Amino acid sequence: MKILYKNILIRDAKENDATILTKWWNDGKIMAHAGFPEGINTTVQKVKHQLQEEIKNHKHRLIIEYKDCPIGEMCFFPCHDAVEIGIKICEINMQNQGLGHTILTLFIHELFQKGVPKIVLSTDLNNLRAQHVYEKIGFQKYDIQYNYWKEPQGEMHSAIFYELLPQNFIHQRK
């Protein structure tokens, strides 16, 4: 996948992206919202292997670039009658600037153009910033699971689940 809009590029992750993905995934500040306040303690080799396995399993990892610099990552994969997505703006100084909304809108537009009938995602119930962005785009809550999973440090997390149908997609670009 390749999406280009103004200074934003969304592209397929390549093997040489394993270094930046490892840096991001090992950073507790970046991964805390996903329940990993100490990062995931991975290696470049493990991430390279994971990227290869994801391709075999029809999971697509994408890199988000802004002004030619990697700032985050996304993924999508088939899930029953839908496509499940994930997004993370990993460079802290690029968060809270409206880029997430724009990037997510571009990404979702592309998926619907490819004929995806429904998009689903989930986030931590405490991740209010993400929930605001999802709802602004038209995602609708369909479930909340309390004490859904346990982080490595033992703390339980609840999750909120969203879905988006093409007719509910609000896609103004900034």
N, C-alpha and C. Protein backbone atom coordinates (compact mmCIF):
# COMPACT_ATOMS: atom_id res chain seq x y z
N MET A 1 0.85 -1.17 0.00
CA MET A 1 0.00 0.00 0.00
C MET A 1 0.90 1.23 0.00
N LYS A 2 0.46 2.23 -0.73
CA LYS A 2 1.18 3.51 -0.73
C LYS A 2 0.15 4.62 -0.88
N ILE A 3 0.11 5.51 0.11
CA ILE A 3 -0.80 6.65 0.10
C ILE A 3 0.05 7.89 0.32
N LEU A 4 -0.08 8.85 -0.56
CA LEU A 4 0.68 10.10 -0.47
C LEU A 4 -0.31 11.26 -0.46
N TYR A 5 -0.19 12.13 0.55
CA TYR A 5 -1.06 13.30 0.67
C TYR A 5 -0.27 14.40 1.36
N LYS A 6 -0.07 15.49 0.63
CA LYS A 6 0.74 16.60 1.14
C LYS A 6 2.08 16.07 1.65
N ASN A 7 2.41 16.27 2.92
CA ASN A 7 3.69 15.81 3.48
C ASN A 7 3.61 14.44 4.14
N ILE A 8 2.49 13.74 3.94
CA ILE A 8 2.25 12.45 4.60
C ILE A 8 2.43 11.32 3.58
N LEU A 9 3.18 10.31 3.97
CA LEU A 9 3.32 9.09 3.18
C LEU A 9 3.00 7.90 4.09
N ILE A 10 2.10 7.05 3.63
CA ILE A 10 1.80 5.79 4.30
C ILE A 10 2.26 4.71 3.34
N ARG A 11 3.16 3.86 3.81
CA ARG A 11 3.75 2.85 2.91
C ARG A 11 3.93 1.52 3.65
N ASP A 12 4.08 0.47 2.86
CA ASP A 12 4.34 -0.84 3.44
C ASP A 12 5.66 -0.81 4.23
N ALA A 13 5.67 -1.47 5.36
CA ALA A 13 6.91 -1.62 6.13
C ALA A 13 7.84 -2.56 5.38
N LYS A 14 9.13 -2.25 5.45
CA LYS A 14 10.16 -3.08 4.83
C LYS A 14 11.08 -3.62 5.92
N GLU A 15 11.91 -4.56 5.55
CA GLU A 15 12.80 -5.18 6.53
C GLU A 15 13.66 -4.14 7.25
N ASN A 16 14.12 -3.12 6.53
CA ASN A 16 14.98 -2.12 7.18
C ASN A 16 14.21 -1.20 8.14
N ASP A 17 12.88 -1.31 8.17
CA ASP A 17 12.09 -0.56 9.16
C ASP A 17 12.12 -1.24 10.53
N ALA A 18 12.66 -2.44 10.59
CA ALA A 18 12.70 -3.17 11.86
C ALA A 18 13.44 -2.38 12.95
N THR A 19 14.44 -1.61 12.56
CA THR A 19 15.21 -0.84 13.55
C THR A 19 14.34 0.21 14.23
N ILE A 20 13.60 0.98 13.46
CA ILE A 20 12.76 2.03 14.05
C ILE A 20 11.58 1.41 14.79
N LEU A 21 11.00 0.33 14.26
CA LEU A 21 9.91 -0.34 14.96
C LEU A 21 10.38 -0.88 16.31
N THR A 22 11.58 -1.44 16.34
CA THR A 22 12.14 -1.95 17.60
C THR A 22 12.31 -0.81 18.60
N LYS A 23 12.84 0.31 18.13
CA LYS A 23 13.02 1.48 19.01
C LYS A 23 11.67 1.91 19.60
N TRP A 24 10.67 2.03 18.75
CA TRP A 24 9.35 2.46 19.22
C TRP A 24 8.74 1.43 20.18
N TRP A 25 8.76 0.16 19.79
CA TRP A 25 8.10 -0.88 20.59
C TRP A 25 8.78 -1.11 21.93
N ASN A 26 10.05 -0.77 22.04
CA ASN A 26 10.76 -0.93 23.31
C ASN A 26 10.64 0.29 24.22
N ASP A 27 10.02 1.35 23.75
CA ASP A 27 9.89 2.60 24.49
C ASP A 27 8.58 2.58 25.28
N GLY A 28 8.69 2.52 26.60
CA GLY A 28 7.51 2.47 27.46
C GLY A 28 6.60 3.68 27.33
N LYS A 29 7.16 4.85 27.03
CA LYS A 29 6.32 6.04 26.86
C LYS A 29 5.40 5.88 25.65
N ILE A 30 5.91 5.27 24.61
CA ILE A 30 5.12 5.07 23.39
C ILE A 30 4.13 3.93 23.57
N MET A 31 4.54 2.88 24.25
CA MET A 31 3.73 1.67 24.35
C MET A 31 2.81 1.63 25.56
N ALA A 32 2.91 2.60 26.45
CA ALA A 32 2.10 2.59 27.67
C ALA A 32 0.61 2.54 27.37
N HIS A 33 0.16 3.30 26.36
CA HIS A 33 -1.28 3.33 26.04
C HIS A 33 -1.79 1.96 25.61
N ALA A 34 -0.88 1.10 25.14
CA ALA A 34 -1.25 -0.25 24.71
C ALA A 34 -1.05 -1.27 25.83
N GLY A 35 -0.69 -0.78 27.02
CA GLY A 35 -0.53 -1.68 28.16
C GLY A 35 0.87 -2.20 28.38
N PHE A 36 1.86 -1.55 27.76
CA PHE A 36 3.25 -1.98 27.93
C PHE A 36 4.09 -0.80 28.40
N PRO A 37 3.93 -0.39 29.67
CA PRO A 37 4.63 0.79 30.18
C PRO A 37 6.15 0.65 30.22
N GLU A 38 6.65 -0.54 30.01
CA GLU A 38 8.10 -0.75 29.94
C GLU A 38 8.53 -1.20 28.54
N GLY A 39 7.65 -1.01 27.55
CA GLY A 39 7.95 -1.48 26.20
C GLY A 39 7.76 -2.98 26.11
N ILE A 40 8.11 -3.55 24.95
CA ILE A 40 7.90 -5.00 24.80
C ILE A 40 9.20 -5.79 24.79
N ASN A 41 10.34 -5.11 24.96
CA ASN A 41 11.63 -5.79 25.09
C ASN A 41 11.89 -6.76 23.93
N THR A 42 11.90 -6.22 22.72
CA THR A 42 12.16 -7.04 21.54
C THR A 42 13.50 -6.67 20.91
N THR A 43 13.86 -7.37 19.86
CA THR A 43 15.12 -7.10 19.16
C THR A 43 14.83 -6.85 17.69
N VAL A 44 15.80 -6.27 17.00
CA VAL A 44 15.65 -6.02 15.56
C VAL A 44 15.41 -7.34 14.84
N GLN A 45 16.14 -8.38 15.21
CA GLN A 45 15.97 -9.69 14.55
C GLN A 45 14.57 -10.23 14.74
N LYS A 46 14.04 -10.12 15.96
CA LYS A 46 12.68 -10.59 16.22
C LYS A 46 11.66 -9.80 15.41
N VAL A 47 11.86 -8.50 15.29
CA VAL A 47 10.93 -7.67 14.53
C VAL A 47 11.01 -8.01 13.04
N LYS A 48 12.21 -8.24 12.53
CA LYS A 48 12.35 -8.66 11.12
C LYS A 48 11.58 -9.96 10.89
N HIS A 49 11.73 -10.89 11.80
CA HIS A 49 11.02 -12.17 11.69
C HIS A 49 9.51 -11.94 11.76
N GLN A 50 9.07 -11.08 12.67
CA GLN A 50 7.64 -10.78 12.81
C GLN A 50 7.09 -10.19 11.52
N LEU A 51 7.83 -9.27 10.90
CA LEU A 51 7.38 -8.67 9.64
C LEU A 51 7.20 -9.75 8.57
N GLN A 52 8.11 -10.70 8.51
CA GLN A 52 7.99 -11.79 7.54
C GLN A 52 6.78 -12.67 7.84
N GLU A 53 6.56 -12.97 9.10
CA GLU A 53 5.41 -13.79 9.50
C GLU A 53 4.09 -13.08 9.23
N GLU A 54 4.05 -11.77 9.46
CA GLU A 54 2.83 -11.02 9.21
C GLU A 54 2.42 -11.12 7.75
N ILE A 55 3.38 -11.04 6.85
CA ILE A 55 3.08 -11.14 5.42
C ILE A 55 2.46 -12.51 5.12
N LYS A 56 3.02 -13.57 5.69
CA LYS A 56 2.49 -14.92 5.48
C LYS A 56 1.05 -15.04 5.98
N ASN A 57 0.74 -14.31 7.05
CA ASN A 57 -0.57 -14.40 7.69
C ASN A 57 -1.54 -13.30 7.25
N HIS A 58 -1.24 -12.65 6.14
CA HIS A 58 -2.11 -11.61 5.55
C HIS A 58 -2.29 -10.40 6.45
N LYS A 59 -1.31 -10.14 7.30
CA LYS A 59 -1.32 -8.92 8.11
C LYS A 59 -0.38 -7.93 7.45
N HIS A 60 -0.83 -6.70 7.35
CA HIS A 60 -0.05 -5.67 6.66
C HIS A 60 0.42 -4.63 7.67
N ARG A 61 1.72 -4.46 7.78
CA ARG A 61 2.32 -3.45 8.66
C ARG A 61 2.71 -2.27 7.77
N LEU A 62 2.35 -1.08 8.18
CA LEU A 62 2.62 0.13 7.42
C LEU A 62 3.43 1.11 8.25
N ILE A 63 4.22 1.91 7.57
CA ILE A 63 4.99 2.97 8.22
C ILE A 63 4.39 4.30 7.79
N ILE A 64 4.25 5.20 8.76
CA ILE A 64 3.75 6.55 8.50
C ILE A 64 4.95 7.48 8.48
N GLU A 65 5.09 8.23 7.41
CA GLU A 65 6.15 9.23 7.32
C GLU A 65 5.51 10.61 7.20
N TYR A 66 6.16 11.58 7.82
CA TYR A 66 5.76 12.98 7.70
C TYR A 66 7.02 13.77 7.36
N LYS A 67 6.97 14.47 6.25
CA LYS A 67 8.14 15.20 5.76
C LYS A 67 9.36 14.28 5.68
N ASP A 68 9.16 13.11 5.12
CA ASP A 68 10.21 12.11 4.87
C ASP A 68 10.81 11.47 6.12
N CYS A 69 10.20 11.66 7.29
CA CYS A 69 10.69 11.04 8.52
C CYS A 69 9.63 10.10 9.08
N PRO A 70 10.02 8.88 9.46
CA PRO A 70 9.06 7.97 10.07
C PRO A 70 8.55 8.53 11.40
N ILE A 71 7.22 8.55 11.56
CA ILE A 71 6.64 9.08 12.80
C ILE A 71 5.70 8.08 13.47
N GLY A 72 5.39 6.98 12.79
CA GLY A 72 4.46 6.03 13.38
C GLY A 72 4.23 4.82 12.51
N GLU A 73 3.29 4.01 12.96
CA GLU A 73 3.01 2.77 12.25
C GLU A 73 1.52 2.44 12.31
N MET A 74 1.10 1.62 11.36
CA MET A 74 -0.28 1.14 11.30
C MET A 74 -0.25 -0.31 10.87
N CYS A 75 -1.37 -0.98 11.04
CA CYS A 75 -1.50 -2.33 10.52
C CYS A 75 -2.96 -2.57 10.15
N PHE A 76 -3.17 -3.56 9.30
CA PHE A 76 -4.52 -4.02 9.01
C PHE A 76 -4.47 -5.49 8.61
N PHE A 77 -5.56 -6.18 8.93
CA PHE A 77 -5.64 -7.60 8.62
C PHE A 77 -7.09 -8.03 8.61
N PRO A 78 -7.39 -9.10 7.83
CA PRO A 78 -8.77 -9.59 7.79
C PRO A 78 -9.20 -10.13 9.15
N CYS A 79 -10.47 -9.88 9.47
CA CYS A 79 -11.03 -10.33 10.74
C CYS A 79 -12.52 -10.61 10.52
N HIS A 80 -12.88 -11.86 10.32
CA HIS A 80 -14.26 -12.27 10.04
C HIS A 80 -14.77 -11.52 8.81
N ASP A 81 -15.83 -10.73 8.97
CA ASP A 81 -16.44 -10.01 7.84
C ASP A 81 -15.92 -8.58 7.73
N ALA A 82 -14.76 -8.31 8.30
CA ALA A 82 -14.25 -6.94 8.35
C ALA A 82 -12.72 -6.95 8.20
N VAL A 83 -12.16 -5.76 8.31
CA VAL A 83 -10.71 -5.59 8.41
C VAL A 83 -10.45 -4.89 9.73
N GLU A 84 -9.54 -5.45 10.52
CA GLU A 84 -9.15 -4.82 11.78
C GLU A 84 -7.93 -3.95 11.54
N ILE A 85 -7.92 -2.78 12.15
CA ILE A 85 -6.81 -1.85 11.97
C ILE A 85 -6.23 -1.44 13.32
N GLY A 86 -5.01 -0.92 13.25
CA GLY A 86 -4.36 -0.32 14.41
C GLY A 86 -3.50 0.82 13.92
N ILE A 87 -3.35 1.84 14.74
CA ILE A 87 -2.53 3.00 14.38
C ILE A 87 -1.83 3.51 15.63
N LYS A 88 -0.60 3.98 15.43
CA LYS A 88 0.15 4.55 16.55
C LYS A 88 1.06 5.64 15.99
N ILE A 89 0.88 6.88 16.46
CA ILE A 89 1.84 7.94 16.18
C ILE A 89 2.90 7.79 17.27
N CYS A 90 4.09 7.37 16.88
CA CYS A 90 5.11 6.98 17.85
C CYS A 90 6.04 8.12 18.26
N GLU A 91 6.23 9.07 17.41
CA GLU A 91 7.08 10.21 17.76
C GLU A 91 6.25 11.16 18.62
N ILE A 92 6.60 11.25 19.89
CA ILE A 92 5.82 12.00 20.87
C ILE A 92 5.58 13.44 20.42
N ASN A 93 6.58 14.08 19.83
CA ASN A 93 6.44 15.48 19.42
C ASN A 93 5.49 15.64 18.23
N MET A 94 5.06 14.55 17.61
CA MET A 94 4.13 14.61 16.48
C MET A 94 2.69 14.30 16.91
N GLN A 95 2.50 13.96 18.18
CA GLN A 95 1.16 13.67 18.69
C GLN A 95 0.44 14.98 19.00
N ASN A 96 -0.88 14.91 19.03
CA ASN A 96 -1.74 16.05 19.37
C ASN A 96 -1.60 17.22 18.40
N GLN A 97 -1.34 16.92 17.14
CA GLN A 97 -1.22 17.97 16.12
C GLN A 97 -2.22 17.76 14.99
N GLY A 98 -3.16 16.85 15.15
CA GLY A 98 -4.15 16.58 14.11
C GLY A 98 -3.69 15.61 13.05
N LEU A 99 -2.45 15.16 13.13
CA LEU A 99 -1.94 14.23 12.11
C LEU A 99 -2.64 12.88 12.19
N GLY A 100 -2.91 12.40 13.39
CA GLY A 100 -3.57 11.10 13.55
C GLY A 100 -4.91 11.07 12.83
N HIS A 101 -5.68 12.12 13.00
CA HIS A 101 -6.99 12.21 12.34
C HIS A 101 -6.82 12.17 10.82
N THR A 102 -5.90 12.98 10.30
CA THR A 102 -5.68 13.03 8.85
C THR A 102 -5.19 11.69 8.32
N ILE A 103 -4.22 11.11 8.99
CA ILE A 103 -3.64 9.83 8.56
C ILE A 103 -4.69 8.73 8.60
N LEU A 104 -5.44 8.67 9.67
CA LEU A 104 -6.48 7.65 9.79
C LEU A 104 -7.54 7.81 8.71
N THR A 105 -7.91 9.05 8.42
CA THR A 105 -8.89 9.32 7.37
C THR A 105 -8.38 8.85 6.01
N LEU A 106 -7.14 9.16 5.69
CA LEU A 106 -6.54 8.71 4.42
C LEU A 106 -6.55 7.19 4.34
N PHE A 107 -6.15 6.55 5.40
CA PHE A 107 -6.05 5.09 5.46
C PHE A 107 -7.41 4.44 5.28
N ILE A 108 -8.39 4.91 6.03
CA ILE A 108 -9.74 4.34 5.96
C ILE A 108 -10.35 4.56 4.58
N HIS A 109 -10.15 5.74 4.03
CA HIS A 109 -10.66 6.02 2.68
C HIS A 109 -10.09 4.99 1.69
N GLU A 110 -8.80 4.73 1.78
CA GLU A 110 -8.16 3.75 0.89
C GLU A 110 -8.74 2.35 1.08
N LEU A 111 -8.96 1.94 2.32
CA LEU A 111 -9.52 0.61 2.57
C LEU A 111 -10.93 0.49 2.00
N PHE A 112 -11.76 1.51 2.20
CA PHE A 112 -13.12 1.47 1.65
C PHE A 112 -13.09 1.49 0.12
N GLN A 113 -12.15 2.23 -0.48
CA GLN A 113 -12.00 2.24 -1.94
C GLN A 113 -11.66 0.84 -2.46
N LYS A 114 -10.96 0.06 -1.66
CA LYS A 114 -10.58 -1.31 -2.05
C LYS A 114 -11.71 -2.31 -1.81
N GLY A 115 -12.86 -1.83 -1.31
CA GLY A 115 -14.01 -2.71 -1.14
C GLY A 115 -14.18 -3.32 0.23
N VAL A 116 -13.43 -2.87 1.21
CA VAL A 116 -13.59 -3.38 2.58
C VAL A 116 -15.00 -3.02 3.06
N PRO A 117 -15.79 -4.00 3.54
CA PRO A 117 -17.17 -3.72 3.93
C PRO A 117 -17.31 -3.08 5.32
N LYS A 118 -16.34 -3.34 6.20
CA LYS A 118 -16.42 -2.82 7.56
C LYS A 118 -15.02 -2.80 8.15
N ILE A 119 -14.76 -1.79 8.98
CA ILE A 119 -13.47 -1.67 9.66
C ILE A 119 -13.74 -1.73 11.16
N VAL A 120 -12.94 -2.52 11.86
CA VAL A 120 -13.07 -2.63 13.31
C VAL A 120 -11.74 -2.31 13.97
N LEU A 121 -11.81 -1.88 15.21
CA LEU A 121 -10.61 -1.63 16.00
C LEU A 121 -10.98 -1.65 17.46
N SER A 122 -9.96 -1.71 18.28
CA SER A 122 -10.18 -1.63 19.73
C SER A 122 -9.07 -0.79 20.32
N THR A 123 -9.36 -0.24 21.49
CA THR A 123 -8.36 0.52 22.22
C THR A 123 -8.63 0.36 23.71
N ASP A 124 -7.65 0.72 24.49
CA ASP A 124 -7.80 0.69 25.94
C ASP A 124 -8.90 1.65 26.34
N LEU A 125 -9.72 1.24 27.28
CA LEU A 125 -10.84 2.07 27.73
C LEU A 125 -10.37 3.41 28.27
N ASN A 126 -9.14 3.49 28.76
CA ASN A 126 -8.61 4.75 29.29
C ASN A 126 -7.99 5.64 28.22
N ASN A 127 -7.89 5.17 26.99
CA ASN A 127 -7.27 5.95 25.92
C ASN A 127 -8.31 6.88 25.30
N LEU A 128 -8.64 7.93 26.04
CA LEU A 128 -9.69 8.85 25.63
C LEU A 128 -9.32 9.64 24.39
N ARG A 129 -8.05 9.95 24.22
CA ARG A 129 -7.60 10.70 23.04
C ARG A 129 -7.92 9.91 21.77
N ALA A 130 -7.59 8.62 21.76
CA ALA A 130 -7.88 7.78 20.59
C ALA A 130 -9.38 7.66 20.37
N GLN A 131 -10.13 7.47 21.44
CA GLN A 131 -11.58 7.33 21.31
C GLN A 131 -12.19 8.58 20.67
N HIS A 132 -11.70 9.75 21.05
CA HIS A 132 -12.20 11.00 20.47
C HIS A 132 -11.97 11.03 18.96
N VAL A 133 -10.76 10.65 18.54
CA VAL A 133 -10.44 10.64 17.10
C VAL A 133 -11.33 9.64 16.37
N TYR A 134 -11.47 8.43 16.91
CA TYR A 134 -12.28 7.41 16.24
C TYR A 134 -13.73 7.85 16.08
N GLU A 135 -14.29 8.41 17.13
CA GLU A 135 -15.69 8.83 17.08
C GLU A 135 -15.88 10.01 16.14
N LYS A 136 -14.90 10.89 16.05
CA LYS A 136 -14.96 12.04 15.15
C LYS A 136 -15.02 11.58 13.68
N ILE A 137 -14.39 10.45 13.39
CA ILE A 137 -14.35 9.91 12.03
C ILE A 137 -15.61 9.11 11.71
N GLY A 138 -16.37 8.73 12.74
CA GLY A 138 -17.62 8.01 12.51
C GLY A 138 -17.68 6.61 13.09
N PHE A 139 -16.61 6.17 13.76
CA PHE A 139 -16.64 4.86 14.39
C PHE A 139 -17.72 4.84 15.47
N GLN A 140 -18.36 3.69 15.60
CA GLN A 140 -19.40 3.52 16.61
C GLN A 140 -18.99 2.40 17.57
N LYS A 141 -19.17 2.66 18.86
CA LYS A 141 -18.85 1.65 19.88
C LYS A 141 -19.83 0.49 19.73
N TYR A 142 -19.31 -0.72 19.83
CA TYR A 142 -20.22 -1.86 19.84
C TYR A 142 -20.00 -2.78 21.04
N ASP A 143 -18.92 -2.56 21.79
CA ASP A 143 -18.70 -3.42 22.95
C ASP A 143 -17.66 -2.80 23.88
N ILE A 144 -17.78 -3.10 25.15
CA ILE A 144 -16.76 -2.79 26.15
C ILE A 144 -16.53 -4.08 26.92
N GLN A 145 -15.28 -4.47 27.03
CA GLN A 145 -14.92 -5.67 27.78
C GLN A 145 -14.06 -5.23 28.97
N TYR A 146 -14.60 -5.41 30.17
CA TYR A 146 -13.87 -5.03 31.37
C TYR A 146 -12.88 -6.13 31.75
N ASN A 147 -11.73 -5.70 32.27
CA ASN A 147 -10.67 -6.65 32.64
C ASN A 147 -10.40 -7.62 31.49
N TYR A 148 -10.24 -7.05 30.30
CA TYR A 148 -10.11 -7.81 29.06
C TYR A 148 -8.78 -8.53 28.94
N TRP A 149 -7.72 -7.89 29.41
CA TRP A 149 -6.40 -8.53 29.32
C TRP A 149 -5.48 -7.98 30.40
N LYS A 150 -4.43 -8.75 30.67
CA LYS A 150 -3.49 -8.39 31.73
C LYS A 150 -2.15 -8.02 31.11
N GLU A 151 -1.63 -6.85 31.49
CA GLU A 151 -0.31 -6.44 30.99
C GLU A 151 0.77 -7.24 31.72
N PRO A 152 1.99 -7.24 31.18
CA PRO A 152 3.06 -8.03 31.80
C PRO A 152 3.30 -7.73 33.28
N GLN A 153 3.03 -6.50 33.71
CA GLN A 153 3.24 -6.14 35.12
C GLN A 153 2.06 -6.58 35.99
N GLY A 154 1.03 -7.17 35.39
CA GLY A 154 -0.07 -7.72 36.16
C GLY A 154 -1.32 -6.86 36.22
N GLU A 155 -1.26 -5.63 35.73
CA GLU A 155 -2.44 -4.76 35.78
C GLU A 155 -3.45 -5.17 34.73
N MET A 156 -4.72 -5.23 35.13
CA MET A 156 -5.79 -5.57 34.21
C MET A 156 -6.21 -4.34 33.40
N HIS A 157 -6.57 -4.56 32.14
CA HIS A 157 -7.01 -3.49 31.25
C HIS A 157 -8.36 -3.83 30.65
N SER A 158 -9.17 -2.81 30.49
CA SER A 158 -10.45 -2.95 29.81
C SER A 158 -10.31 -2.39 28.40
N ALA A 159 -11.12 -2.88 27.48
CA ALA A 159 -11.02 -2.47 26.08
C ALA A 159 -12.38 -2.03 25.57
N ILE A 160 -12.35 -1.08 24.66
CA ILE A 160 -13.55 -0.62 23.97
C ILE A 160 -13.39 -0.98 22.50
N PHE A 161 -14.47 -1.48 21.91
CA PHE A 161 -14.44 -1.97 20.53
C PHE A 161 -15.32 -1.08 19.66
N TYR A 162 -14.79 -0.76 18.48
CA TYR A 162 -15.47 0.12 17.54
C TYR A 162 -15.61 -0.55 16.18
N GLU A 163 -16.62 -0.10 15.42
CA GLU A 163 -16.75 -0.50 14.02
C GLU A 163 -17.13 0.72 13.19
N LEU A 164 -16.77 0.65 11.91
CA LEU A 164 -17.08 1.73 10.98
C LEU A 164 -17.55 1.13 9.67
N LEU A 165 -18.73 1.54 9.25
CA LEU A 165 -19.27 1.16 7.95
C LEU A 165 -19.06 2.32 6.98
N PRO A 166 -18.95 2.03 5.69
CA PRO A 166 -18.69 3.11 4.73
C PRO A 166 -19.67 4.28 4.84
N GLN A 167 -20.95 4.00 5.06
CA GLN A 167 -21.95 5.07 5.10
C GLN A 167 -21.82 5.96 6.34
N ASN A 168 -21.07 5.52 7.35
CA ASN A 168 -20.88 6.32 8.57
C ASN A 168 -19.56 7.07 8.60
N PHE A 169 -18.75 6.87 7.57
CA PHE A 169 -17.40 7.45 7.51
C PHE A 169 -17.48 8.95 7.26
N ILE A 170 -16.91 9.73 8.19
CA ILE A 170 -16.83 11.19 8.06
C ILE A 170 -15.40 11.48 7.65
N HIS A 171 -15.21 11.91 6.40
CA HIS A 171 -13.84 11.97 5.87
C HIS A 171 -13.39 13.33 5.35
N GLN A 172 -13.57 14.35 6.15
CA GLN A 172 -12.96 15.63 5.76
C GLN A 172 -11.47 15.55 6.06
N ARG A 173 -10.68 16.08 5.15
CA ARG A 173 -9.23 16.12 5.36
C ARG A 173 -8.83 17.51 5.80
N LYS A 174 -7.82 17.54 6.66
CA LYS A 174 -7.31 18.83 7.13
C LYS A 174 -6.25 19.33 6.19
